[in-house]
Amino acid sequence: MWKIYKWNGHYIMGDLISEHSSEASALKAAKKKINYARSERSTLPSFKARKEIVIWLDADNGTPLGLIIKKTRKKTKKGDETVSTG
């Protein structure tokens, strides 16, 4: 689930604006509600370690206006899970 957050004057991840199932629909909604000028997908190792995809939304002068975030889950193979016997 892609979540759009808007800067609230204190925190960059301040107000939750909306949730979307696809990246394209999240970017479209953010363009409409936040009116950002450019977006950039983060490549920081800290986000990769937490299994998060982050897209920063900035104004023309580089001022951050908000972000779009998706937390991904680790995919497991069927049968890898341990079974409790009680």
PDB file of N, CA and C in Angstrom:
ATOM      1  N   MET A   1       0.837  -1.169   0.000  1.00  0.00           N
ATOM      2  CA  MET A   1       0.000   0.000   0.000  1.00  0.00           C
ATOM      3  C   MET A   1       0.890   1.243   0.000  1.00  0.00           C
ATOM      4  N   TRP A   2       0.711   2.095  -0.963  1.00  0.00           N
ATOM      5  CA  TRP A   2       1.457   3.347  -1.077  1.00  0.00           C
ATOM      6  C   TRP A   2       0.739   4.410  -0.252  1.00  0.00           C
ATOM      7  N   LYS A   3       1.472   5.096   0.629  1.00  0.00           N
ATOM      8  CA  LYS A   3       0.897   6.127   1.488  1.00  0.00           C
ATOM      9  C   LYS A   3       1.533   7.473   1.150  1.00  0.00           C
ATOM     10  N   ILE A   4       0.687   8.501   1.014  1.00  0.00           N
ATOM     11  CA  ILE A   4       1.154   9.851   0.704  1.00  0.00           C
ATOM     12  C   ILE A   4       1.102  10.683   1.979  1.00  0.00           C
ATOM     13  N   TYR A   5       2.238  11.283   2.333  1.00  0.00           N
ATOM     14  CA  TYR A   5       2.333  12.150   3.502  1.00  0.00           C
ATOM     15  C   TYR A   5       2.699  13.555   3.058  1.00  0.00           C
ATOM     16  N   LYS A   6       2.120  14.549   3.716  1.00  0.00           N
ATOM     17  CA  LYS A   6       2.387  15.956   3.424  1.00  0.00           C
ATOM     18  C   LYS A   6       3.080  16.605   4.614  1.00  0.00           C
ATOM     19  N   TRP A   7       4.019  17.491   4.336  1.00  0.00           N
ATOM     20  CA  TRP A   7       4.728  18.228   5.370  1.00  0.00           C
ATOM     21  C   TRP A   7       3.733  19.103   6.109  1.00  0.00           C
ATOM     22  N   ASN A   8       3.735  19.046   7.446  1.00  0.00           N
ATOM     23  CA  ASN A   8       2.763  19.807   8.231  1.00  0.00           C
ATOM     24  C   ASN A   8       3.383  21.002   8.935  1.00  0.00           C
ATOM     25  N   GLY A   9       4.567  21.406   8.529  1.00  0.00           N
ATOM     26  CA  GLY A   9       5.229  22.541   9.154  1.00  0.00           C
ATOM     27  C   GLY A   9       6.237  22.132  10.213  1.00  0.00           C
ATOM     28  N   HIS A  10       6.135  20.881  10.659  1.00  0.00           N
ATOM     29  CA  HIS A  10       7.053  20.395  11.688  1.00  0.00           C
ATOM     30  C   HIS A  10       7.728  19.102  11.265  1.00  0.00           C
ATOM     31  N   TYR A  11       6.970  18.174  10.699  1.00  0.00           N
ATOM     32  CA  TYR A  11       7.503  16.871  10.276  1.00  0.00           C
ATOM     33  C   TYR A  11       7.271  16.668   8.784  1.00  0.00           C
ATOM     34  N   ILE A  12       8.252  16.080   8.105  1.00  0.00           N
ATOM     35  CA  ILE A  12       8.093  15.790   6.682  1.00  0.00           C
ATOM     36  C   ILE A  12       7.048  14.694   6.478  1.00  0.00           C
ATOM     37  N   MET A  13       6.948  13.784   7.420  1.00  0.00           N
ATOM     38  CA  MET A  13       5.949  12.714   7.358  1.00  0.00           C
ATOM     39  C   MET A  13       4.818  13.080   8.321  1.00  0.00           C
ATOM     40  N   GLY A  14       4.265  14.269   8.107  1.00  0.00           N
ATOM     41  CA  GLY A  14       3.310  14.838   9.048  1.00  0.00           C
ATOM     42  C   GLY A  14       1.895  14.332   8.894  1.00  0.00           C
ATOM     43  N   ASP A  15       1.203  14.745   7.841  1.00  0.00           N
ATOM     44  CA  ASP A  15      -0.207  14.415   7.666  1.00  0.00           C
ATOM     45  C   ASP A  15      -0.371  13.361   6.587  1.00  0.00           C
ATOM     46  N   LEU A  16      -1.085  12.288   6.913  1.00  0.00           N
ATOM     47  CA  LEU A  16      -1.395  11.258   5.929  1.00  0.00           C
ATOM     48  C   LEU A  16      -2.501  11.794   5.031  1.00  0.00           C
ATOM     49  N   ILE A  17      -2.215  11.901   3.743  1.00  0.00           N
ATOM     50  CA  ILE A  17      -3.176  12.436   2.788  1.00  0.00           C
ATOM     51  C   ILE A  17      -4.071  11.327   2.249  1.00  0.00           C
ATOM     52  N   SER A  18      -3.464  10.245   1.741  1.00  0.00           N
ATOM     53  CA  SER A  18      -4.257   9.149   1.172  1.00  0.00           C
ATOM     54  C   SER A  18      -3.409   7.898   1.019  1.00  0.00           C
ATOM     55  N   GLU A  19      -4.080   6.782   0.711  1.00  0.00           N
ATOM     56  CA  GLU A  19      -3.433   5.496   0.457  1.00  0.00           C
ATOM     57  C   GLU A  19      -3.866   4.998  -0.912  1.00  0.00           C
ATOM     58  N   HIS A  20      -2.937   4.361  -1.628  1.00  0.00           N
ATOM     59  CA  HIS A  20      -3.217   3.873  -2.976  1.00  0.00           C
ATOM     60  C   HIS A  20      -2.575   2.507  -3.175  1.00  0.00           C
ATOM     61  N   SER A  21      -3.120   1.752  -4.125  1.00  0.00           N
ATOM     62  CA  SER A  21      -2.606   0.407  -4.366  1.00  0.00           C
ATOM     63  C   SER A  21      -1.489   0.385  -5.405  1.00  0.00           C
ATOM     64  N   SER A  22      -1.349   1.449  -6.206  1.00  0.00           N
ATOM     65  CA  SER A  22      -0.278   1.469  -7.200  1.00  0.00           C
ATOM     66  C   SER A  22       0.535   2.753  -7.091  1.00  0.00           C
ATOM     67  N   GLU A  23       1.762   2.682  -7.571  1.00  0.00           N
ATOM     68  CA  GLU A  23       2.653   3.829  -7.527  1.00  0.00           C
ATOM     69  C   GLU A  23       2.153   4.948  -8.439  1.00  0.00           C
ATOM     70  N   ALA A  24       1.642   4.588  -9.602  1.00  0.00           N
ATOM     71  CA  ALA A  24       1.166   5.594 -10.553  1.00  0.00           C
ATOM     72  C   ALA A  24      -0.013   6.388  -9.991  1.00  0.00           C
ATOM     73  N   SER A  25      -0.936   5.709  -9.351  1.00  0.00           N
ATOM     74  CA  SER A  25      -2.084   6.416  -8.782  1.00  0.00           C
ATOM     75  C   SER A  25      -1.670   7.275  -7.588  1.00  0.00           C
ATOM     76  N   ALA A  26      -0.664   6.843  -6.830  1.00  0.00           N
ATOM     77  CA  ALA A  26      -0.164   7.640  -5.705  1.00  0.00           C
ATOM     78  C   ALA A  26       0.508   8.915  -6.211  1.00  0.00           C
ATOM     79  N   LEU A  27       1.311   8.808  -7.275  1.00  0.00           N
ATOM     80  CA  LEU A  27       1.962   9.985  -7.843  1.00  0.00           C
ATOM     81  C   LEU A  27       0.936  10.958  -8.422  1.00  0.00           C
ATOM     82  N   LYS A  28      -0.092  10.430  -9.062  1.00  0.00           N
ATOM     83  CA  LYS A  28      -1.134  11.280  -9.643  1.00  0.00           C
ATOM     84  C   LYS A  28      -1.897  12.031  -8.556  1.00  0.00           C
ATOM     85  N   ALA A  29      -2.245  11.355  -7.480  1.00  0.00           N
ATOM     86  CA  ALA A  29      -2.966  11.986  -6.374  1.00  0.00           C
ATOM     87  C   ALA A  29      -2.089  13.009  -5.660  1.00  0.00           C
ATOM     88  N   ALA A  30      -0.802  12.709  -5.523  1.00  0.00           N
ATOM     89  CA  ALA A  30       0.114  13.647  -4.876  1.00  0.00           C
ATOM     90  C   ALA A  30       0.285  14.904  -5.717  1.00  0.00           C
ATOM     91  N   LYS A  31       0.329  14.747  -7.025  1.00  0.00           N
ATOM     92  CA  LYS A  31       0.447  15.902  -7.914  1.00  0.00           C
ATOM     93  C   LYS A  31      -0.770  16.811  -7.758  1.00  0.00           C
ATOM     94  N   LYS A  32      -1.930  16.199  -7.592  1.00  0.00           N
ATOM     95  CA  LYS A  32      -3.173  16.955  -7.466  1.00  0.00           C
ATOM     96  C   LYS A  32      -3.280  17.650  -6.108  1.00  0.00           C
ATOM     97  N   LYS A  33      -2.892  16.970  -5.026  1.00  0.00           N
ATOM     98  CA  LYS A  33      -3.106  17.488  -3.679  1.00  0.00           C
ATOM     99  C   LYS A  33      -1.929  18.291  -3.130  1.00  0.00           C
ATOM    100  N   ILE A  34      -0.698  17.891  -3.452  1.00  0.00           N
ATOM    101  CA  ILE A  34       0.487  18.568  -2.913  1.00  0.00           C
ATOM    102  C   ILE A  34       1.069  19.551  -3.919  1.00  0.00           C
ATOM    103  N   ASN A  35       0.892  19.269  -5.220  1.00  0.00           N
ATOM    104  CA  ASN A  35       1.397  20.112  -6.302  1.00  0.00           C
ATOM    105  C   ASN A  35       2.920  20.241  -6.236  1.00  0.00           C
ATOM    106  N   TYR A  36       3.611  19.115  -6.265  1.00  0.00           N
ATOM    107  CA  TYR A  36       5.063  19.082  -6.241  1.00  0.00           C
ATOM    108  C   TYR A  36       5.616  19.344  -7.639  1.00  0.00           C
ATOM    109  N   ALA A  37       6.875  19.768  -7.707  1.00  0.00           N
ATOM    110  CA  ALA A  37       7.510  20.049  -8.989  1.00  0.00           C
ATOM    111  C   ALA A  37       8.360  18.874  -9.478  1.00  0.00           C
ATOM    112  N   ARG A  38       8.997  18.163  -8.543  1.00  0.00           N
ATOM    113  CA  ARG A  38       9.831  17.019  -8.948  1.00  0.00           C
ATOM    114  C   ARG A  38       9.767  15.934  -7.882  1.00  0.00           C
ATOM    115  N   SER A  39      10.005  14.731  -8.330  1.00  0.00           N
ATOM    116  CA  SER A  39      10.008  13.588  -7.413  1.00  0.00           C
ATOM    117  C   SER A  39      11.285  12.797  -7.625  1.00  0.00           C
ATOM    118  N   GLU A  40      11.758  12.189  -6.543  1.00  0.00           N
ATOM    119  CA  GLU A  40      12.995  11.419  -6.612  1.00  0.00           C
ATOM    120  C   GLU A  40      12.878  10.194  -5.715  1.00  0.00           C
ATOM    121  N   ARG A  41      13.159   9.041  -6.284  1.00  0.00           N
ATOM    122  CA  ARG A  41      13.140   7.795  -5.521  1.00  0.00           C
ATOM    123  C   ARG A  41      14.425   7.687  -4.712  1.00  0.00           C
ATOM    124  N   SER A  42      14.285   7.415  -3.432  1.00  0.00           N
ATOM    125  CA  SER A  42      15.436   7.351  -2.535  1.00  0.00           C
ATOM    126  C   SER A  42      16.221   6.065  -2.742  1.00  0.00           C
ATOM    127  N   THR A  43      17.543   6.191  -2.677  1.00  0.00           N
ATOM    128  CA  THR A  43      18.421   5.028  -2.814  1.00  0.00           C
ATOM    129  C   THR A  43      19.266   4.835  -1.562  1.00  0.00           C
ATOM    130  N   LEU A  44      18.846   5.425  -0.451  1.00  0.00           N
ATOM    131  CA  LEU A  44      19.610   5.305   0.790  1.00  0.00           C
ATOM    132  C   LEU A  44      19.571   3.881   1.333  1.00  0.00           C
ATOM    133  N   PRO A  45      20.691   3.370   1.837  1.00  0.00           N
ATOM    134  CA  PRO A  45      20.735   2.001   2.360  1.00  0.00           C
ATOM    135  C   PRO A  45      19.833   1.795   3.578  1.00  0.00           C
ATOM    136  N   SER A  46      19.575   2.847   4.343  1.00  0.00           N
ATOM    137  CA  SER A  46      18.722   2.689   5.532  1.00  0.00           C
ATOM    138  C   SER A  46      17.294   2.325   5.151  1.00  0.00           C
ATOM    139  N   PHE A  47      16.794   2.870   4.039  1.00  0.00           N
ATOM    140  CA  PHE A  47      15.450   2.519   3.586  1.00  0.00           C
ATOM    141  C   PHE A  47      15.418   1.096   3.023  1.00  0.00           C
ATOM    142  N   LYS A  48      16.485   0.718   2.324  1.00  0.00           N
ATOM    143  CA  LYS A  48      16.555  -0.632   1.769  1.00  0.00           C
ATOM    144  C   LYS A  48      16.624  -1.674   2.878  1.00  0.00           C
ATOM    145  N   ALA A  49      17.325  -1.346   3.959  1.00  0.00           N
ATOM    146  CA  ALA A  49      17.444  -2.280   5.080  1.00  0.00           C
ATOM    147  C   ALA A  49      16.097  -2.482   5.776  1.00  0.00           C
ATOM    148  N   ARG A  50      15.281  -1.436   5.800  1.00  0.00           N
ATOM    149  CA  ARG A  50      13.958  -1.543   6.428  1.00  0.00           C
ATOM    150  C   ARG A  50      12.888  -2.007   5.456  1.00  0.00           C
ATOM    151  N   LYS A  51      13.297  -2.344   4.231  1.00  0.00           N
ATOM    152  CA  LYS A  51      12.398  -2.817   3.184  1.00  0.00           C
ATOM    153  C   LYS A  51      11.307  -1.786   2.870  1.00  0.00           C
ATOM    154  N   GLU A  52      11.729  -0.529   2.687  1.00  0.00           N
ATOM    155  CA  GLU A  52      10.811   0.552   2.359  1.00  0.00           C
ATOM    156  C   GLU A  52      11.202   1.190   1.030  1.00  0.00           C
ATOM    157  N   ILE A  53      10.202   1.556   0.252  1.00  0.00           N
ATOM    158  CA  ILE A  53      10.415   2.324  -0.966  1.00  0.00           C
ATOM    159  C   ILE A  53       9.922   3.737  -0.664  1.00  0.00           C
ATOM    160  N   VAL A  54      10.784   4.731  -0.843  1.00  0.00           N
ATOM    161  CA  VAL A  54      10.443   6.117  -0.512  1.00  0.00           C
ATOM    162  C   VAL A  54      10.644   6.989  -1.749  1.00  0.00           C
ATOM    163  N   ILE A  55       9.638   7.817  -2.045  1.00  0.00           N
ATOM    164  CA  ILE A  55       9.711   8.788  -3.124  1.00  0.00           C
ATOM    165  C   ILE A  55       9.541  10.171  -2.496  1.00  0.00           C
ATOM    166  N   TRP A  56      10.571  11.027  -2.617  1.00  0.00           N
ATOM    167  CA  TRP A  56      10.534  12.371  -2.059  1.00  0.00           C
ATOM    168  C   TRP A  56       9.846  13.304  -3.040  1.00  0.00           C
ATOM    169  N   LEU A  57       9.002  14.192  -2.540  1.00  0.00           N
ATOM    170  CA  LEU A  57       8.289  15.171  -3.357  1.00  0.00           C
ATOM    171  C   LEU A  57       8.810  16.557  -2.982  1.00  0.00           C
ATOM    172  N   ASP A  58       9.376  17.285  -3.970  1.00  0.00           N
ATOM    173  CA  ASP A  58      10.029  18.559  -3.717  1.00  0.00           C
ATOM    174  C   ASP A  58       9.423  19.673  -4.568  1.00  0.00           C
ATOM    175  N   ALA A  59       9.619  20.912  -4.102  1.00  0.00           N
ATOM    176  CA  ALA A  59       9.248  22.095  -4.870  1.00  0.00           C
ATOM    177  C   ALA A  59      10.357  22.387  -5.884  1.00  0.00           C
ATOM    178  N   ASP A  60      10.188  23.441  -6.678  1.00  0.00           N
ATOM    179  CA  ASP A  60      11.206  23.812  -7.677  1.00  0.00           C
ATOM    180  C   ASP A  60      12.548  24.123  -7.047  1.00  0.00           C
ATOM    181  N   ASN A  61      12.537  24.758  -5.878  1.00  0.00           N
ATOM    182  CA  ASN A  61      13.790  25.145  -5.236  1.00  0.00           C
ATOM    183  C   ASN A  61      14.377  24.048  -4.347  1.00  0.00           C
ATOM    184  N   GLY A  62      13.772  22.864  -4.330  1.00  0.00           N
ATOM    185  CA  GLY A  62      14.303  21.746  -3.558  1.00  0.00           C
ATOM    186  C   GLY A  62      13.716  21.609  -2.171  1.00  0.00           C
ATOM    187  N   THR A  63      12.781  22.459  -1.807  1.00  0.00           N
ATOM    188  CA  THR A  63      12.136  22.376  -0.500  1.00  0.00           C
ATOM    189  C   THR A  63      11.246  21.139  -0.455  1.00  0.00           C
ATOM    190  N   PRO A  64      11.414  20.277   0.531  1.00  0.00           N
ATOM    191  CA  PRO A  64      10.575  19.079   0.601  1.00  0.00           C
ATOM    192  C   PRO A  64       9.130  19.423   0.945  1.00  0.00           C
ATOM    193  N   LEU A  65       8.204  18.859   0.184  1.00  0.00           N
ATOM    194  CA  LEU A  65       6.775  19.092   0.398  1.00  0.00           C
ATOM    195  C   LEU A  65       6.075  17.872   0.973  1.00  0.00           C
ATOM    196  N   GLY A  66       6.650  16.701   0.757  1.00  0.00           N
ATOM    197  CA  GLY A  66       6.039  15.480   1.250  1.00  0.00           C
ATOM    198  C   GLY A  66       6.783  14.265   0.755  1.00  0.00           C
ATOM    199  N   LEU A  67       6.191  13.097   0.991  1.00  0.00           N
ATOM    200  CA  LEU A  67       6.793  11.865   0.509  1.00  0.00           C
ATOM    201  C   LEU A  67       5.737  10.799   0.311  1.00  0.00           C
ATOM    202  N   ILE A  68       6.104   9.827  -0.493  1.00  0.00           N
ATOM    203  CA  ILE A  68       5.276   8.642  -0.733  1.00  0.00           C
ATOM    204  C   ILE A  68       6.096   7.461  -0.252  1.00  0.00           C
ATOM    205  N   ILE A  69       5.488   6.602   0.545  1.00  0.00           N
ATOM    206  CA  ILE A  69       6.235   5.485   1.130  1.00  0.00           C
ATOM    207  C   ILE A  69       5.450   4.191   0.978  1.00  0.00           C
ATOM    208  N   LYS A  70       6.182   3.114   0.737  1.00  0.00           N
ATOM    209  CA  LYS A  70       5.595   1.775   0.683  1.00  0.00           C
ATOM    210  C   LYS A  70       6.500   0.838   1.451  1.00  0.00           C
ATOM    211  N   LYS A  71       5.924   0.122   2.390  1.00  0.00           N
ATOM    212  CA  LYS A  71       6.673  -0.878   3.134  1.00  0.00           C
ATOM    213  C   LYS A  71       6.451  -2.222   2.449  1.00  0.00           C
ATOM    214  N   THR A  72       7.536  -2.846   2.035  1.00  0.00           N
ATOM    215  CA  THR A  72       7.438  -4.132   1.352  1.00  0.00           C
ATOM    216  C   THR A  72       7.677  -5.256   2.329  1.00  0.00           C
ATOM    217  N   ARG A  73       7.109  -6.397   2.011  1.00  0.00           N
ATOM    218  CA  ARG A  73       7.282  -7.565   2.869  1.00  0.00           C
ATOM    219  C   ARG A  73       8.247  -8.533   2.220  1.00  0.00           C
ATOM    220  N   LYS A  74       8.917  -9.287   3.048  1.00  0.00           N
ATOM    221  CA  LYS A  74       9.827 -10.309   2.566  1.00  0.00           C
ATOM    222  C   LYS A  74       8.992 -11.480   2.059  1.00  0.00           C
ATOM    223  N   LYS A  75       9.281 -11.909   0.850  1.00  0.00           N
ATOM    224  CA  LYS A  75       8.559 -13.040   0.278  1.00  0.00           C
ATOM    225  C   LYS A  75       9.217 -14.330   0.741  1.00  0.00           C
ATOM    226  N   THR A  76       8.408 -15.253   1.227  1.00  0.00           N
ATOM    227  CA  THR A  76       8.929 -16.534   1.690  1.00  0.00           C
ATOM    228  C   THR A  76       8.438 -17.636   0.780  1.00  0.00           C
ATOM    229  N   LYS A  77       9.231 -18.671   0.695  1.00  0.00           N
ATOM    230  CA  LYS A  77       8.826 -19.830  -0.092  1.00  0.00           C
ATOM    231  C   LYS A  77       7.856 -20.667   0.723  1.00  0.00           C
ATOM    232  N   LYS A  78       6.978 -21.347   0.032  1.00  0.00           N
ATOM    233  CA  LYS A  78       6.024 -22.209   0.715  1.00  0.00           C
ATOM    234  C   LYS A  78       6.781 -23.354   1.368  1.00  0.00           C
ATOM    235  N   GLY A  79       6.525 -23.567   2.630  1.00  0.00           N
ATOM    236  CA  GLY A  79       7.179 -24.633   3.360  1.00  0.00           C
ATOM    237  C   GLY A  79       8.364 -24.193   4.190  1.00  0.00           C
ATOM    238  N   ASP A  80       8.767 -22.920   4.058  1.00  0.00           N
ATOM    239  CA  ASP A  80       9.887 -22.420   4.849  1.00  0.00           C
ATOM    240  C   ASP A  80       9.508 -22.080   6.281  1.00  0.00           C
ATOM    241  N   GLU A  81       8.230 -21.899   6.529  1.00  0.00           N
ATOM    242  CA  GLU A  81       7.795 -21.503   7.858  1.00  0.00           C
ATOM    243  C   GLU A  81       7.874 -22.686   8.810  1.00  0.00           C
ATOM    244  N   THR A  82       8.273 -22.410  10.046  1.00  0.00           N
ATOM    245  CA  THR A  82       8.342 -23.464  11.042  1.00  0.00           C
ATOM    246  C   THR A  82       6.954 -23.681  11.646  1.00  0.00           C
ATOM    247  N   VAL A  83       6.655 -24.910  11.954  1.00  0.00           N
ATOM    248  CA  VAL A  83       5.352 -25.273  12.502  1.00  0.00           C
ATOM    249  C   VAL A  83       5.508 -25.553  13.973  1.00  0.00           C
ATOM    250  N   SER A  84       4.662 -24.939  14.760  1.00  0.00           N
ATOM    251  CA  SER A  84       4.686 -25.179  16.209  1.00  0.00           C
ATOM    252  C   SER A  84       3.923 -26.466  16.510  1.00  0.00           C
ATOM    253  N   THR A  85       4.531 -27.328  17.291  1.00  0.00           N
ATOM    254  CA  THR A  85       3.866 -28.597  17.629  1.00  0.00           C
ATOM    255  C   THR A  85       3.247 -28.539  19.008  1.00  0.00           C
ATOM    256  N   GLY A  86       3.316 -27.405  19.619  1.00  0.00           N
ATOM    257  CA  GLY A  86       2.550 -27.306  20.773  1.00  0.00           C
ATOM    258  C   GLY A  86       2.969 -27.087  22.094  1.00  0.00           C
TER     259      GLY A  86
END
